[in-house]
Every structure is written in structure tokens, then in C-alpha cells.
């Protein structure tokens, strides 16, 4: 596993997801119909949610795999590095150190990642960027959970997040319609807004200062 490949894979998956978003919006906005098959709102919702999950999963995967690369002593893409406090002998050994007594390490838990980084790397390595990523990290987790979990708790947390962002819960709002809503400060769809913030984090982690 090479850090540059892990970094490139994240961006490649973002490109795929972004194409899905663009094409789905074009099809839905233009009421595409083929042989009496309509591009319905249900299909559109599935595609937008699926694109978001591709980006989220790619982000989670990058965090885990980049961590292992740095544990194994690799340099950043810019050839900078930081001191590591562990010396695993293989990728599997590094993964086992990461997971500890659990079945797997949780790279959707920002605080856990920061704790691991401080334990394994001098001054937390390049993962200190996550300290400034609290709200967005929690928001994307709430969206992910609302898509993948069928629970009142996940739904309530998502709706409360939407109210906080938009000032009110729009009628008929779901994860896909929210992700396609324009974020007021950036004038980008939320799904692109979140994607770009994840890209910033990934690029910073891959290029230590």
C-alpha cells in the first residue's frame, strides 16, 4: 500500500460520484423518459444518496489506509514526514495495532482518530487538521447515518442538522434534497460543499507540513 495510490483512489472515487450527481440532476431536471421509463424522484434520490456514500466511504477508507502508511514509515506525497511512535512489521500488523481489542478501528469517529494520531505520531502528525473539522465531520456522519440506518434517532439528528443549517425543515426534505440544496456561503450544493471539505482534509493529511 502506497500513500500516493491511496490519495489518488480517494480523488478518483470523488470524480465518479461527482459525475453521478451531475448526470442525475440533468436527467431529473429534464424529466428524462426512455421507452416510457421515467427518471423519477425515487431514482434521483437513490443516485444522490449513493454518490454521497461513495464519497463518505472513500474518505473513511483514506483515513484508515493513510494511517497505516504513516505507521509503516512512509513519507507524505510532498516527501515530508513526522516521527512515529510505533514500528509495525506489516500492513496487517499495523491494522491489528489500530483496532486494538475491537473488531475494527472506527475511522468515522473524529475524536478517536485524533487520539490514535496523538498516541502513534509526534504531535498527531498531519491528522491535526481534523481538530478544525468538527462540525462538518459530525454533519456528514449524520447524513450517512440517515441514509443507511432505519432509526428514529438517526432521522431526528439529520432533521435537527437541516434545521440548524437552513433555519427550518423544508417540506418533504430528505437526505438527497438537502444534499442538492445550495449552501449559502459557498453557493454550492451541500454534497459538493462537503466533498470539497473532505478533499481539503485528505490533501492536508497526505502532505505534512
Protein backbone atom coordinates (compact mmCIF):
# COMPACT_ATOMS: atom_id res chain seq x y z
CA UNK A 1 0.00 0.00 0.00
CA UNK A 2 1.48 3.33 -1.10
CA UNK A 3 0.19 6.66 0.21
CA UNK A 4 0.11 8.32 -3.22
CA UNK A 5 -2.10 5.50 -4.53
CA UNK A 6 -4.41 5.78 -1.51
CA UNK A 7 -4.65 9.54 -2.10
CA UNK A 8 -5.34 9.12 -5.82
CA UNK A 9 -8.01 6.49 -5.18
CA UNK A 10 -9.96 8.91 -2.98
CA UNK A 11 -9.93 11.57 -5.69
CA UNK A 12 -10.88 9.05 -8.39
CA UNK A 13 -13.92 7.96 -6.40
CA UNK A 14 -14.87 11.59 -5.87
CA UNK A 15 -14.74 12.10 -9.63
CA UNK A 16 -17.05 9.13 -10.20
CA UNK A 17 -19.50 10.37 -7.56
CA UNK A 18 -19.45 13.91 -8.95
CA UNK A 19 -20.34 12.60 -12.41
CA UNK A 20 -23.23 10.64 -10.91
CA UNK A 21 -24.53 13.81 -9.23
CA UNK A 22 -24.25 15.93 -12.37
CA UNK A 23 -25.89 13.37 -14.67
CA UNK A 24 -28.67 12.56 -12.22
CA UNK A 25 -29.52 16.23 -11.80
CA UNK A 26 -29.61 16.70 -15.58
CA UNK A 27 -31.87 13.67 -16.04
CA UNK A 28 -34.23 14.63 -13.23
CA UNK A 29 -34.43 18.34 -14.08
CA UNK A 30 -35.24 17.49 -17.72
CA UNK A 31 -37.81 14.78 -16.93
CA UNK A 32 -35.89 12.21 -18.94
CA UNK A 33 -38.10 9.46 -20.34
CA UNK A 34 -36.93 6.40 -22.29
CA UNK A 35 -39.40 3.86 -23.67
CA UNK A 36 -41.96 5.06 -21.09
CA UNK A 37 -39.47 4.67 -18.24
CA UNK A 38 -39.32 7.93 -16.30
CA UNK A 39 -36.37 9.20 -14.31
CA UNK A 40 -38.38 9.50 -11.12
CA UNK A 41 -37.63 11.31 -7.88
CA UNK A 42 -37.08 7.94 -6.20
CA UNK A 43 -34.36 7.05 -8.72
CA UNK A 44 -32.84 10.50 -8.36
CA UNK A 45 -32.80 10.16 -4.56
CA UNK A 46 -31.08 6.78 -4.76
CA UNK A 47 -28.38 8.13 -7.07
CA UNK A 48 -27.66 11.24 -4.99
CA UNK A 49 -27.56 9.23 -1.76
CA UNK A 50 -25.37 6.64 -3.45
CA UNK A 51 -22.95 9.30 -4.68
CA UNK A 52 -22.67 10.73 -1.18
CA UNK A 53 -21.96 7.29 0.27
CA UNK A 54 -19.22 6.73 -2.32
CA UNK A 55 -17.51 9.95 -1.19
CA UNK A 56 -18.00 9.23 2.51
CA UNK A 57 -16.71 5.67 2.23
CA UNK A 58 -13.72 6.85 0.18
CA UNK A 59 -12.95 9.41 2.88
CA UNK A 60 -13.18 6.81 5.63
CA UNK A 61 -11.01 4.43 3.62
CA UNK A 62 -8.38 7.11 3.03
CA UNK A 63 -8.17 7.92 6.75
CA UNK A 64 -7.59 4.27 7.64
CA UNK A 65 -5.15 3.43 4.84
CA UNK A 66 -3.14 6.65 5.15
CA UNK A 67 -2.80 5.96 8.87
CA UNK A 68 -1.33 2.55 8.10
CA UNK A 69 1.04 4.05 5.52
CA UNK A 70 2.39 6.52 8.06
CA UNK A 71 2.62 3.82 10.74
CA UNK A 72 4.84 1.89 8.33
CA UNK A 73 7.15 4.89 7.98
CA UNK A 74 6.11 6.23 4.59
CA UNK A 75 6.65 9.88 3.72
CA UNK A 76 3.93 12.23 2.58
CA UNK A 77 3.38 12.91 -1.11
CA UNK A 78 5.46 16.09 -0.67
CA UNK A 79 8.30 13.97 0.84
CA UNK A 80 7.75 15.46 4.31
CA UNK A 81 7.36 13.13 7.25
CA UNK A 82 6.79 13.07 11.00
CA UNK A 83 8.05 10.93 13.85
CA UNK A 84 6.12 7.72 14.53
CA UNK A 85 5.95 6.02 17.90
CA UNK A 86 5.10 2.57 16.53
CA UNK A 87 7.03 0.21 14.28
CA UNK A 88 4.71 -2.46 12.81
CA UNK A 89 6.29 -5.10 10.62
CA UNK A 90 3.48 -5.30 8.04
CA UNK A 91 0.16 -3.76 6.98
CA UNK A 92 -1.70 -6.49 8.84
CA UNK A 93 0.32 -5.82 11.99
CA UNK A 94 -0.41 -2.09 11.70
CA UNK A 95 -4.13 -2.79 11.29
CA UNK A 96 -4.13 -5.04 14.35
CA UNK A 97 -2.42 -2.32 16.39
CA UNK A 98 -5.04 0.18 15.22
CA UNK A 99 -8.06 -1.94 16.08
CA UNK A 100 -6.74 -2.99 19.49
CA UNK A 101 -9.34 -5.15 21.22
CA UNK A 102 -12.11 -4.17 18.80
CA UNK A 103 -13.15 -5.87 15.56
CA UNK A 104 -12.05 -2.86 13.51
CA UNK A 105 -10.85 0.71 14.03
CA UNK A 106 -13.58 3.35 13.75
CA UNK A 107 -12.43 5.96 11.28
CA UNK A 108 -15.81 7.70 11.39
CA UNK A 109 -15.04 8.85 14.95
CA UNK A 110 -13.09 12.10 14.73
CA UNK A 111 -12.05 12.18 18.38
CA UNK A 112 -10.88 8.55 18.25
CA UNK A 113 -8.76 9.30 15.15
CA UNK A 114 -7.18 12.32 16.85
CA UNK A 115 -6.43 10.22 19.95
CA UNK A 116 -4.83 7.48 17.85
CA UNK A 117 -2.79 10.06 15.94
CA UNK A 118 -1.50 11.63 19.16
CA UNK A 119 -0.62 8.17 20.51
CA UNK A 120 1.15 6.97 17.38
CA UNK A 121 2.65 10.13 15.82
CA UNK A 122 4.58 13.10 17.15
CA UNK A 123 2.13 15.95 17.77
CA UNK A 124 -0.56 13.94 16.00
CA UNK A 125 1.21 14.03 12.62
CA UNK A 126 -0.80 15.64 9.84
CA UNK A 127 -4.08 14.49 11.41
CA UNK A 128 -4.23 17.68 13.47
CA UNK A 129 -6.27 19.08 10.55
CA UNK A 130 -9.20 17.09 11.98
CA UNK A 131 -9.28 19.36 15.02
CA UNK A 132 -10.73 22.07 12.77
CA UNK A 133 -13.17 19.73 11.06
CA UNK A 134 -15.57 19.02 13.93
CA UNK A 135 -18.92 20.37 12.70
CA UNK A 136 -18.63 19.17 9.12
CA UNK A 137 -17.34 15.76 10.24
CA UNK A 138 -20.35 15.36 12.53
CA UNK A 139 -22.76 16.63 9.86
CA UNK A 140 -21.59 14.17 7.22
CA UNK A 141 -21.87 11.34 9.75
CA UNK A 142 -25.47 12.36 10.48
CA UNK A 143 -26.27 12.32 6.77
CA UNK A 144 -24.55 8.94 6.33
CA UNK A 145 -26.50 7.51 9.27
CA UNK A 146 -29.80 8.91 7.99
CA UNK A 147 -29.20 7.18 4.64
CA UNK A 148 -28.01 3.83 5.98
CA UNK A 149 -29.84 3.45 9.30
CA UNK A 150 -33.56 2.96 9.75
CA UNK A 151 -34.00 4.56 13.14
CA UNK A 152 -35.85 7.49 14.65
CA UNK A 153 -32.65 8.68 16.32
CA UNK A 154 -30.76 8.95 13.02
CA UNK A 155 -33.71 10.65 11.35
CA UNK A 156 -34.15 13.13 14.21
CA UNK A 157 -30.46 14.03 14.26
CA UNK A 158 -30.49 14.59 10.50
CA UNK A 159 -33.60 16.79 10.64
CA UNK A 160 -32.19 18.84 13.50
CA UNK A 161 -29.00 19.34 11.49
CA UNK A 162 -31.05 20.55 8.50
CA UNK A 163 -32.95 22.98 10.73
CA UNK A 164 -29.65 24.31 12.04
CA UNK A 165 -28.30 24.77 8.50
CA UNK A 166 -31.38 26.12 6.74
CA UNK A 167 -33.31 27.72 9.61
CA UNK A 168 -36.27 25.40 9.07
CA UNK A 169 -37.03 21.91 7.80
CA UNK A 170 -38.34 22.19 4.22
CA UNK A 171 -41.49 20.23 3.45
CA UNK A 172 -40.65 16.78 2.12
CA UNK A 173 -36.96 17.20 2.88
CA UNK A 174 -34.84 14.05 2.73
CA UNK A 175 -31.12 13.43 2.54
CA UNK A 176 -30.99 13.77 -1.25
CA UNK A 177 -32.97 17.01 -1.45
CA UNK A 178 -30.83 18.51 1.32
CA UNK A 179 -27.60 17.42 -0.38
CA UNK A 180 -28.78 19.15 -3.56
CA UNK A 181 -29.64 22.37 -1.68
CA UNK A 182 -27.24 25.30 -2.12
CA UNK A 183 -25.02 26.07 0.85
CA UNK A 184 -25.48 29.79 1.42
CA UNK A 185 -21.85 30.83 1.89
CA UNK A 186 -20.29 28.82 -0.92
CA UNK A 187 -23.27 28.82 -3.31
CA UNK A 188 -22.53 25.14 -3.91
CA UNK A 189 -24.77 22.14 -3.40
CA UNK A 190 -24.17 20.73 0.06
CA UNK A 191 -22.91 17.48 -1.43
CA UNK A 192 -20.21 19.40 -3.32
CA UNK A 193 -19.53 21.60 -0.29
CA UNK A 194 -18.91 18.51 1.86
CA UNK A 195 -16.91 16.81 -0.88
CA UNK A 196 -14.59 19.80 -1.17
CA UNK A 197 -14.00 19.93 2.58
CA UNK A 198 -13.15 16.23 2.61
CA UNK A 199 -10.74 16.86 -0.27
CA UNK A 200 -9.02 19.58 1.74
CA UNK A 201 -8.57 17.24 4.70
CA UNK A 202 -7.28 14.41 2.50
CA UNK A 203 -4.78 16.65 0.72
CA UNK A 204 -3.51 18.13 4.00
CA UNK A 205 -3.06 14.71 5.57
CA UNK A 206 -1.22 13.42 2.51
CA UNK A 207 1.10 16.44 2.50
CA UNK A 208 2.52 17.01 6.01
CA UNK A 209 3.99 20.44 6.77
